[in-house]
Protein backbone atom coordinates (compact mmCIF):
# COMPACT_ATOMS: atom_id res chain seq x y z
CA UNK A 1 19.07 -17.33 -17.10
CA UNK A 2 17.06 -14.61 -15.41
CA UNK A 3 16.84 -14.90 -11.64
CA UNK A 4 13.38 -14.70 -10.09
CA UNK A 5 12.62 -11.69 -7.94
CA UNK A 6 13.12 -12.54 -4.30
CA UNK A 7 10.16 -11.96 -1.99
CA UNK A 8 10.26 -8.97 0.30
CA UNK A 9 9.33 -9.66 3.90
CA UNK A 10 8.44 -6.95 6.37
CA UNK A 11 9.63 -7.30 9.95
CA UNK A 12 6.97 -8.82 12.20
CA UNK A 13 4.42 -6.22 13.25
CA UNK A 14 5.05 -4.85 16.71
CA UNK A 15 2.33 -2.20 16.50
CA UNK A 16 0.03 -2.74 13.48
CA UNK A 17 -2.21 0.19 14.42
CA UNK A 18 0.78 2.57 14.36
CA UNK A 19 1.86 1.12 10.99
CA UNK A 20 -1.67 1.72 9.74
CA UNK A 21 -1.61 5.35 10.85
CA UNK A 22 1.69 5.83 9.05
CA UNK A 23 0.38 4.14 5.90
CA UNK A 24 -2.85 6.14 5.92
CA UNK A 25 -0.97 9.45 6.22
CA UNK A 26 1.70 8.48 3.68
CA UNK A 27 -0.82 7.21 1.14
CA UNK A 28 -3.03 10.26 1.60
CA UNK A 29 -0.03 12.54 0.99
CA UNK A 30 0.93 10.52 -2.10
CA UNK A 31 -2.61 10.67 -3.47
CA UNK A 32 -2.74 14.43 -2.98
CA UNK A 33 0.58 15.04 -4.74
CA UNK A 34 0.09 12.80 -7.80
CA UNK A 35 -3.06 14.60 -8.97
CA UNK A 36 -4.97 17.59 -7.59
CA UNK A 37 -6.25 16.70 -4.10
CA UNK A 38 -9.71 15.14 -3.95
CA UNK A 39 -11.99 14.72 -0.93
CA UNK A 40 -12.25 10.98 -1.61
CA UNK A 41 -8.48 10.55 -1.10
CA UNK A 42 -8.94 10.42 2.68
CA UNK A 43 -11.46 7.58 2.30
CA UNK A 44 -9.16 5.69 -0.06
CA UNK A 45 -6.22 6.00 2.32
CA UNK A 46 -8.38 4.97 5.29
CA UNK A 47 -9.72 1.87 3.53
CA UNK A 48 -6.29 0.74 2.29
CA UNK A 49 -4.80 1.20 5.76
CA UNK A 50 -7.64 -0.82 7.33
CA UNK A 51 -6.90 -3.73 5.01
CA UNK A 52 -3.19 -3.45 5.72
CA UNK A 53 -3.66 -3.38 9.51
CA UNK A 54 -5.97 -6.38 9.47
CA UNK A 55 -3.49 -8.36 7.38
CA UNK A 56 -0.59 -7.41 9.66
CA UNK A 57 -2.62 -8.36 12.76
CA UNK A 58 -3.22 -11.76 11.14
CA UNK A 59 0.55 -12.18 10.86
CA UNK A 60 1.08 -11.35 7.18
CA UNK A 61 4.62 -10.08 6.55
CA UNK A 62 5.03 -10.82 2.82
CA UNK A 63 4.92 -7.60 0.79
CA UNK A 64 3.42 -9.30 -2.26
CA UNK A 65 0.61 -10.81 -0.20
CA UNK A 66 -0.09 -7.48 1.48
CA UNK A 67 -0.28 -5.69 -1.87
CA UNK A 68 -2.59 -8.40 -3.27
CA UNK A 69 -4.87 -8.10 -0.22
CA UNK A 70 -5.13 -4.33 -0.73
CA UNK A 71 -5.79 -4.83 -4.45
CA UNK A 72 -8.47 -7.44 -3.86
CA UNK A 73 -10.32 -5.53 -1.17
CA UNK A 74 -10.09 -2.17 -2.94
CA UNK A 75 -11.95 -3.69 -5.91
CA UNK A 76 -15.19 -3.10 -3.99
CA UNK A 77 -14.35 0.58 -3.34
CA UNK A 78 -16.23 3.17 -5.44
CA UNK A 79 -13.52 5.00 -7.39
CA UNK A 80 -16.03 6.96 -9.51
CA UNK A 81 -15.00 10.25 -7.84
CA UNK A 82 -11.28 9.59 -8.10
CA UNK A 83 -8.46 9.66 -10.62
CA UNK A 84 -7.28 6.36 -9.11
CA UNK A 85 -8.27 2.71 -9.17
CA UNK A 86 -7.45 -0.34 -7.10
CA UNK A 87 -4.26 -1.16 -9.04
CA UNK A 88 -2.80 2.31 -8.52
CA UNK A 89 -3.59 2.14 -4.81
CA UNK A 90 -2.11 -1.33 -4.33
CA UNK A 91 1.03 -0.34 -6.25
CA UNK A 92 1.36 2.86 -4.21
CA UNK A 93 1.08 0.87 -0.97
CA UNK A 94 3.82 -1.45 -2.21
CA UNK A 95 6.06 1.45 -3.18
CA UNK A 96 5.53 3.23 0.14
CA UNK A 97 6.38 0.05 2.04
CA UNK A 98 9.50 -0.50 -0.08
CA UNK A 99 10.54 3.10 0.59
CA UNK A 100 10.04 2.56 4.32
CA UNK A 101 12.39 -0.45 4.13
CA UNK A 102 14.99 1.51 2.14
CA UNK A 103 14.51 -0.64 -0.97
CA UNK A 104 14.73 1.09 -4.36
CA UNK A 105 11.70 0.30 -6.48
CA UNK A 106 12.41 2.55 -9.45
CA UNK A 107 12.97 1.17 -12.90
CA UNK A 108 13.36 -2.47 -11.87
CA UNK A 109 16.39 -1.73 -9.71
CA UNK A 110 17.14 -4.25 -7.02
């Protein structure tokens, strides 16, 4: 029988604003390297980091819940001037957070 994927929990936030700055910079860099850089990338990274910081300040530590919050709130963002959409952004946030925890996320590896 296949084992369910275990939840990933981030350590409690000691400085959510600092985490948000890191996420904004990391996501902006990721956005600019995946496709040619676009001016809107800074706005996307800023919005995603705002959602993340708010969630962390409210005590959210579950990676899945954080990714879902970013996905849900990015649905109202205007992606018409971007190569990206809310799913790509939420997935990128999840991948960046997994990387920061030293967890391999490639190819279903555990």
